[in-house]
Amino acid sequence: MKVAAQSVMSFPFTLKDDENQVLESSTGNDPLVYLHGTGGIVPGH
């Protein structure tokens, strides 16, 4: 499947801080689901 604007997408994730401590994770839960191309995901670095 190609990712395109207005597509519902999902992916597993783990968010860590600068000290590598887990802040939030989908491990053991449902993956993150979002509508692609609508700015619903915070930009990373």
Protein backbone atom coordinates (compact mmCIF):
# COMPACT_ATOMS: atom_id res chain seq x y z
CA MET A 1 0.00 0.00 0.00
CA LYS A 2 1.24 3.46 -0.88
CA VAL A 3 0.84 6.24 1.67
CA ALA A 4 -1.22 9.05 0.18
CA ALA A 5 -3.09 12.11 1.45
CA GLN A 6 -6.44 11.31 3.05
CA SER A 7 -5.45 7.67 3.71
CA VAL A 8 -6.04 6.14 7.13
CA MET A 9 -2.68 4.78 8.31
CA SER A 10 -1.45 2.96 11.40
CA PHE A 11 1.94 2.11 12.89
CA PRO A 12 3.39 0.90 16.17
CA PHE A 13 5.48 3.47 18.04
CA THR A 14 7.67 4.13 21.06
CA LEU A 15 8.41 7.71 22.16
CA LYS A 16 11.57 8.22 24.24
CA ASP A 17 13.17 11.26 25.86
CA ASP A 18 16.80 12.38 25.52
CA GLU A 19 17.82 9.91 28.27
CA ASN A 20 16.23 7.02 26.32
CA GLN A 21 13.40 6.65 28.84
CA VAL A 22 10.10 5.51 27.33
CA LEU A 23 7.48 8.27 27.55
CA GLU A 24 4.73 6.50 25.61
CA SER A 25 4.44 3.32 23.57
CA SER A 26 1.93 1.26 21.65
CA THR A 27 3.69 -1.97 22.66
CA GLY A 28 1.02 -4.33 23.95
CA ASN A 29 -1.71 -2.00 22.66
CA ASP A 30 -3.22 -1.05 19.32
CA PRO A 31 -0.96 0.89 16.90
CA LEU A 32 -1.39 4.62 16.38
CA VAL A 33 -4.08 5.33 13.74
CA TYR A 34 -4.21 8.67 11.90
CA LEU A 35 -5.45 10.35 8.74
CA HIS A 36 -2.39 11.05 6.59
CA GLY A 37 -1.86 14.52 5.17
CA THR A 38 -3.95 16.45 7.69
CA GLY A 39 -1.18 17.51 10.12
CA GLY A 40 -2.31 15.08 12.81
CA ILE A 41 1.22 13.85 13.59
CA VAL A 42 3.68 16.08 15.45
CA PRO A 43 6.85 16.60 13.34
CA GLY A 44 9.89 14.77 14.71
CA HIS A 45 13.54 15.64 14.59
